[in-house]
Amino acid sequence: MYDSIRTAALIAATLTTGLSAGLFYAFACAVMPGLRRSDDHTFVTAMRRINVAILNGWFGLGFFGALVFTTVAAGLHLRADGHAVLPWLIAALALYLVLIVTTFAVNVPLNDQLEAAGTADGQPGPAAVRERFEARWVRWNVLRAVSGTAALGCLVWALVLHGRMGGGAA
């Protein structure tokens, strides 16, 4: 039973981390390059709408679930029979924490600044708003994509090692 719980936690950590890494990868490879080709007003409007739309339960499940499930999986592998897997889980957790810290220290504040920037008299227009936002947001999003993908790789390897140890075998 204990091995089944460890296996389930490890699978859940891998899946949710994959969802989160894939999201930031998609932004790096498709969303932001696509928006780069748009005019300033369209860019600012689209990013504002994306920043509102993304705040939903499905996003939360992947984003926070990865942190929770990876932490749980690491805790469940503290026993001596889980020590081969544990370093990979700790590495995955550390890499995912880079993603989380980057999100809350850089990308969310940039999103908030984008939302607060107006176009009324005395306020910067869309070109100035975009200028202060786009390059920095994209650069830090690439870090999130890379760290999330690296965390996913660590979790995949942890699953391989866990399977080799017979973890979760019925």
C-alpha atoms as a PDB file:
ATOM      1  CA  MET A   1       0.000   0.000   0.000  1.00  0.00           C
ATOM      2  CA  TYR A   2       2.814   2.415   0.924  1.00  0.00           C
ATOM      3  CA  ASP A   3       4.545   1.791  -2.412  1.00  0.00           C
ATOM      4  CA  SER A   4       1.297   2.460  -4.263  1.00  0.00           C
ATOM      5  CA  ILE A   5       0.913   5.799  -2.494  1.00  0.00           C
ATOM      6  CA  ARG A   6       4.530   6.710  -3.286  1.00  0.00           C
ATOM      7  CA  THR A   7       3.986   5.758  -6.911  1.00  0.00           C
ATOM      8  CA  ALA A   8       0.764   7.762  -7.132  1.00  0.00           C
ATOM      9  CA  ALA A   9       2.444  10.840  -5.595  1.00  0.00           C
ATOM     10  CA  LEU A  10       5.359  10.538  -8.002  1.00  0.00           C
ATOM     11  CA  ILE A  11       3.056  10.176 -11.007  1.00  0.00           C
ATOM     12  CA  ALA A  12       0.939  13.136  -9.851  1.00  0.00           C
ATOM     13  CA  ALA A  13       4.097  15.234  -9.363  1.00  0.00           C
ATOM     14  CA  THR A  14       5.316  14.320 -12.845  1.00  0.00           C
ATOM     15  CA  LEU A  15       1.997  15.050 -14.517  1.00  0.00           C
ATOM     16  CA  THR A  16       1.380  18.388 -12.820  1.00  0.00           C
ATOM     17  CA  THR A  17       4.968  19.505 -13.371  1.00  0.00           C
ATOM     18  CA  GLY A  18       4.607  18.516 -17.023  1.00  0.00           C
ATOM     19  CA  LEU A  19       1.468  20.610 -17.333  1.00  0.00           C
ATOM     20  CA  SER A  20       3.148  23.624 -15.788  1.00  0.00           C
ATOM     21  CA  ALA A  21       6.393  23.244 -17.755  1.00  0.00           C
ATOM     22  CA  GLY A  22       4.368  22.808 -20.942  1.00  0.00           C
ATOM     23  CA  LEU A  23       2.440  25.989 -20.286  1.00  0.00           C
ATOM     24  CA  PHE A  24       5.567  28.102 -19.947  1.00  0.00           C
ATOM     25  CA  TYR A  25       7.150  26.306 -22.905  1.00  0.00           C
ATOM     26  CA  ALA A  26       4.086  27.137 -25.017  1.00  0.00           C
ATOM     27  CA  PHE A  27       4.369  30.793 -24.021  1.00  0.00           C
ATOM     28  CA  ALA A  28       8.075  30.789 -24.917  1.00  0.00           C
ATOM     29  CA  CYS A  29       7.647  29.006 -28.257  1.00  0.00           C
ATOM     30  CA  ALA A  30       4.293  30.204 -29.545  1.00  0.00           C
ATOM     31  CA  VAL A  31       2.302  32.727 -27.533  1.00  0.00           C
ATOM     32  CA  MET A  32       4.927  35.420 -27.058  1.00  0.00           C
ATOM     33  CA  PRO A  33       6.475  35.038 -30.540  1.00  0.00           C
ATOM     34  CA  GLY A  34       2.954  35.313 -31.965  1.00  0.00           C
ATOM     35  CA  LEU A  35       2.160  38.392 -29.914  1.00  0.00           C
ATOM     36  CA  ARG A  36       5.528  39.934 -30.828  1.00  0.00           C
ATOM     37  CA  ARG A  37       4.173  40.251 -34.366  1.00  0.00           C
ATOM     38  CA  SER A  38       1.115  42.212 -33.205  1.00  0.00           C
ATOM     39  CA  ASP A  39       0.715  45.949 -32.814  1.00  0.00           C
ATOM     40  CA  ASP A  40       1.196  47.540 -29.390  1.00  0.00           C
ATOM     41  CA  HIS A  41      -2.504  47.906 -28.549  1.00  0.00           C
ATOM     42  CA  THR A  42      -3.241  44.289 -29.481  1.00  0.00           C
ATOM     43  CA  PHE A  43      -0.242  43.052 -27.487  1.00  0.00           C
ATOM     44  CA  VAL A  44      -1.204  44.930 -24.319  1.00  0.00           C
ATOM     45  CA  THR A  45      -4.877  43.976 -24.600  1.00  0.00           C
ATOM     46  CA  ALA A  46      -4.107  40.309 -25.270  1.00  0.00           C
ATOM     47  CA  MET A  47      -1.652  40.005 -22.367  1.00  0.00           C
ATOM     48  CA  ARG A  48      -4.115  41.672 -20.007  1.00  0.00           C
ATOM     49  CA  ARG A  49      -6.823  39.219 -21.042  1.00  0.00           C
ATOM     50  CA  ILE A  50      -4.482  36.238 -20.766  1.00  0.00           C
ATOM     51  CA  ASN A  51      -3.414  37.350 -17.277  1.00  0.00           C
ATOM     52  CA  VAL A  52      -7.050  37.369 -16.163  1.00  0.00           C
ATOM     53  CA  ALA A  53      -8.064  34.156 -17.944  1.00  0.00           C
ATOM     54  CA  ILE A  54      -5.188  32.106 -16.586  1.00  0.00           C
ATOM     55  CA  LEU A  55      -6.303  32.568 -12.995  1.00  0.00           C
ATOM     56  CA  ASN A  56      -8.523  29.505 -12.819  1.00  0.00           C
ATOM     57  CA  GLY A  57      -8.672  26.165 -11.047  1.00  0.00           C
ATOM     58  CA  TRP A  58      -7.089  24.191 -13.883  1.00  0.00           C
ATOM     59  CA  PHE A  59      -4.051  26.449 -13.870  1.00  0.00           C
ATOM     60  CA  GLY A  60      -3.904  26.285 -10.069  1.00  0.00           C
ATOM     61  CA  LEU A  61      -4.041  22.490 -10.104  1.00  0.00           C
ATOM     62  CA  GLY A  62      -0.988  22.229 -12.341  1.00  0.00           C
ATOM     63  CA  PHE A  63       0.969  25.177 -10.954  1.00  0.00           C
ATOM     64  CA  PHE A  64       0.506  24.518  -7.233  1.00  0.00           C
ATOM     65  CA  GLY A  65      -0.139  20.781  -7.592  1.00  0.00           C
ATOM     66  CA  ALA A  66       3.382  20.307  -8.935  1.00  0.00           C
ATOM     67  CA  LEU A  67       4.823  21.874  -5.794  1.00  0.00           C
ATOM     68  CA  VAL A  68       2.553  19.929  -3.446  1.00  0.00           C
ATOM     69  CA  PHE A  69       2.869  16.542  -5.146  1.00  0.00           C
ATOM     70  CA  THR A  70       6.645  16.814  -5.560  1.00  0.00           C
ATOM     71  CA  THR A  71       6.995  17.723  -1.880  1.00  0.00           C
ATOM     72  CA  VAL A  72       4.753  14.808  -0.882  1.00  0.00           C
ATOM     73  CA  ALA A  73       6.646  12.402  -3.154  1.00  0.00           C
ATOM     74  CA  ALA A  74       9.958  13.524  -1.647  1.00  0.00           C
ATOM     75  CA  GLY A  75       8.612  13.060   1.866  1.00  0.00           C
ATOM     76  CA  LEU A  76       7.377   9.577   1.023  1.00  0.00           C
ATOM     77  CA  HIS A  77      10.813   8.622  -0.320  1.00  0.00           C
ATOM     78  CA  LEU A  78      12.700   9.586   2.844  1.00  0.00           C
ATOM     79  CA  ARG A  79      12.768   5.959   3.968  1.00  0.00           C
ATOM     80  CA  ALA A  80      15.945   4.032   3.191  1.00  0.00           C
ATOM     81  CA  ASP A  81      14.300   2.144   0.329  1.00  0.00           C
ATOM     82  CA  GLY A  82      13.557   5.431  -1.425  1.00  0.00           C
ATOM     83  CA  HIS A  83      17.006   6.997  -1.215  1.00  0.00           C
ATOM     84  CA  ALA A  84      17.927   6.306  -4.863  1.00  0.00           C
ATOM     85  CA  VAL A  85      14.920   8.389  -5.957  1.00  0.00           C
ATOM     86  CA  LEU A  86      15.181  11.103  -3.309  1.00  0.00           C
ATOM     87  CA  PRO A  87      18.024  13.197  -4.837  1.00  0.00           C
ATOM     88  CA  TRP A  88      16.068  13.459  -8.099  1.00  0.00           C
ATOM     89  CA  LEU A  89      12.964  14.551  -6.217  1.00  0.00           C
ATOM     90  CA  ILE A  90      14.926  17.160  -4.285  1.00  0.00           C
ATOM     91  CA  ALA A  91      16.462  18.428  -7.539  1.00  0.00           C
ATOM     92  CA  ALA A  92      13.009  18.579  -9.132  1.00  0.00           C
ATOM     93  CA  LEU A  93      11.660  20.457  -6.138  1.00  0.00           C
ATOM     94  CA  ALA A  94      14.539  22.958  -6.202  1.00  0.00           C
ATOM     95  CA  LEU A  95      14.117  23.529  -9.947  1.00  0.00           C
ATOM     96  CA  TYR A  96      10.381  23.959  -9.567  1.00  0.00           C
ATOM     97  CA  LEU A  97      10.959  26.453  -6.771  1.00  0.00           C
ATOM     98  CA  VAL A  98      13.006  28.504  -9.251  1.00  0.00           C
ATOM     99  CA  LEU A  99       9.888  28.566 -11.447  1.00  0.00           C
ATOM    100  CA  ILE A 100       7.643  29.596  -8.538  1.00  0.00           C
ATOM    101  CA  VAL A 101       9.985  32.271  -7.198  1.00  0.00           C
ATOM    102  CA  THR A 102      10.498  33.710 -10.687  1.00  0.00           C
ATOM    103  CA  THR A 103       6.752  33.800 -11.221  1.00  0.00           C
ATOM    104  CA  PHE A 104       5.992  35.659  -8.007  1.00  0.00           C
ATOM    105  CA  ALA A 105       9.112  37.863  -7.946  1.00  0.00           C
ATOM    106  CA  VAL A 106       9.161  38.939 -11.604  1.00  0.00           C
ATOM    107  CA  ASN A 107       6.332  37.820 -13.890  1.00  0.00           C
ATOM    108  CA  VAL A 108       3.362  38.520 -11.609  1.00  0.00           C
ATOM    109  CA  PRO A 109       4.605  42.013 -10.692  1.00  0.00           C
ATOM    110  CA  LEU A 110       5.123  42.723 -14.402  1.00  0.00           C
ATOM    111  CA  ASN A 111       1.590  41.479 -15.082  1.00  0.00           C
ATOM    112  CA  ASP A 112       0.292  43.760 -12.332  1.00  0.00           C
ATOM    113  CA  GLN A 113       2.192  46.728 -13.771  1.00  0.00           C
ATOM    114  CA  LEU A 114       0.779  45.960 -17.211  1.00  0.00           C
ATOM    115  CA  GLU A 115      -2.744  45.896 -15.810  1.00  0.00           C
ATOM    116  CA  ALA A 116      -2.239  49.139 -13.870  1.00  0.00           C
ATOM    117  CA  ALA A 117      -0.750  51.052 -16.814  1.00  0.00           C
ATOM    118  CA  GLY A 118      -3.363  53.258 -18.368  1.00  0.00           C
ATOM    119  CA  THR A 119      -3.700  55.225 -21.529  1.00  0.00           C
ATOM    120  CA  ALA A 120      -5.514  58.269 -20.151  1.00  0.00           C
ATOM    121  CA  ASP A 121      -4.019  61.745 -20.303  1.00  0.00           C
ATOM    122  CA  GLY A 122      -0.609  61.767 -18.699  1.00  0.00           C
ATOM    123  CA  GLN A 123      -0.393  57.965 -18.831  1.00  0.00           C
ATOM    124  CA  PRO A 124       1.910  56.097 -21.187  1.00  0.00           C
ATOM    125  CA  GLY A 125       0.414  54.720 -24.381  1.00  0.00           C
ATOM    126  CA  PRO A 126       0.486  51.069 -25.420  1.00  0.00           C
ATOM    127  CA  ALA A 127       3.954  51.338 -27.013  1.00  0.00           C
ATOM    128  CA  ALA A 128       5.532  52.596 -23.778  1.00  0.00           C
ATOM    129  CA  VAL A 129       3.633  50.052 -21.684  1.00  0.00           C
ATOM    130  CA  ARG A 130       4.769  47.246 -23.955  1.00  0.00           C
ATOM    131  CA  GLU A 131       8.359  48.515 -23.964  1.00  0.00           C
ATOM    132  CA  ARG A 132       8.561  48.254 -20.158  1.00  0.00           C
ATOM    133  CA  PHE A 133       6.941  44.800 -20.130  1.00  0.00           C
ATOM    134  CA  GLU A 134       7.662  42.530 -23.074  1.00  0.00           C
ATOM    135  CA  ALA A 135      11.413  41.854 -23.177  1.00  0.00           C
ATOM    136  CA  ARG A 136      11.758  41.386 -19.426  1.00  0.00           C
ATOM    137  CA  TRP A 137       8.659  39.198 -19.148  1.00  0.00           C
ATOM    138  CA  VAL A 138       9.788  37.006 -22.052  1.00  0.00           C
ATOM    139  CA  ARG A 139      13.324  36.628 -20.673  1.00  0.00           C
ATOM    140  CA  TRP A 140      12.094  35.501 -17.271  1.00  0.00           C
ATOM    141  CA  ASN A 141       9.451  33.255 -18.779  1.00  0.00           C
ATOM    142  CA  VAL A 142      12.221  31.388 -20.614  1.00  0.00           C
ATOM    143  CA  LEU A 143      13.810  30.721 -17.219  1.00  0.00           C
ATOM    144  CA  ARG A 144      10.472  29.338 -16.007  1.00  0.00           C
ATOM    145  CA  ALA A 145      10.194  27.110 -19.081  1.00  0.00           C
ATOM    146  CA  VAL A 146      13.744  25.801 -18.671  1.00  0.00           C
ATOM    147  CA  SER A 147      13.526  25.227 -14.918  1.00  0.00           C
ATOM    148  CA  GLY A 148      10.104  23.592 -15.228  1.00  0.00           C
ATOM    149  CA  THR A 149      11.320  21.319 -18.004  1.00  0.00           C
ATOM    150  CA  ALA A 150      14.431  20.406 -16.018  1.00  0.00           C
ATOM    151  CA  ALA A 151      12.226  19.620 -13.006  1.00  0.00           C
ATOM    152  CA  LEU A 152      10.093  17.414 -15.243  1.00  0.00           C
ATOM    153  CA  GLY A 153      13.202  15.601 -16.465  1.00  0.00           C
ATOM    154  CA  CYS A 154      14.253  14.927 -12.877  1.00  0.00           C
ATOM    155  CA  LEU A 155      10.806  13.556 -12.064  1.00  0.00           C
ATOM    156  CA  VAL A 156      10.802  11.311 -15.132  1.00  0.00           C
ATOM    157  CA  TRP A 157      14.162   9.898 -14.063  1.00  0.00           C
ATOM    158  CA  ALA A 158      12.837   9.469 -10.511  1.00  0.00           C
ATOM    159  CA  LEU A 159       9.943   7.473 -11.961  1.00  0.00           C
ATOM    160  CA  VAL A 160      12.395   5.282 -13.891  1.00  0.00           C
ATOM    161  CA  LEU A 161      14.451   4.631 -10.753  1.00  0.00           C
ATOM    162  CA  HIS A 162      11.321   4.033  -8.709  1.00  0.00           C
ATOM    163  CA  GLY A 163      10.135   1.493 -11.272  1.00  0.00           C
ATOM    164  CA  ARG A 164      13.514  -0.272 -11.265  1.00  0.00           C
ATOM    165  CA  MET A 165      13.289  -0.604  -7.503  1.00  0.00           C
ATOM    166  CA  GLY A 166       9.921  -2.289  -7.915  1.00  0.00           C
ATOM    167  CA  GLY A 167       8.062   0.654  -6.386  1.00  0.00           C
ATOM    168  CA  GLY A 168       4.348   0.376  -6.791  1.00  0.00           C
ATOM    169  CA  ALA A 169       4.479  -3.156  -8.137  1.00  0.00           C
ATOM    170  CA  ALA A 170       1.291  -5.028  -7.424  1.00  0.00           C
END
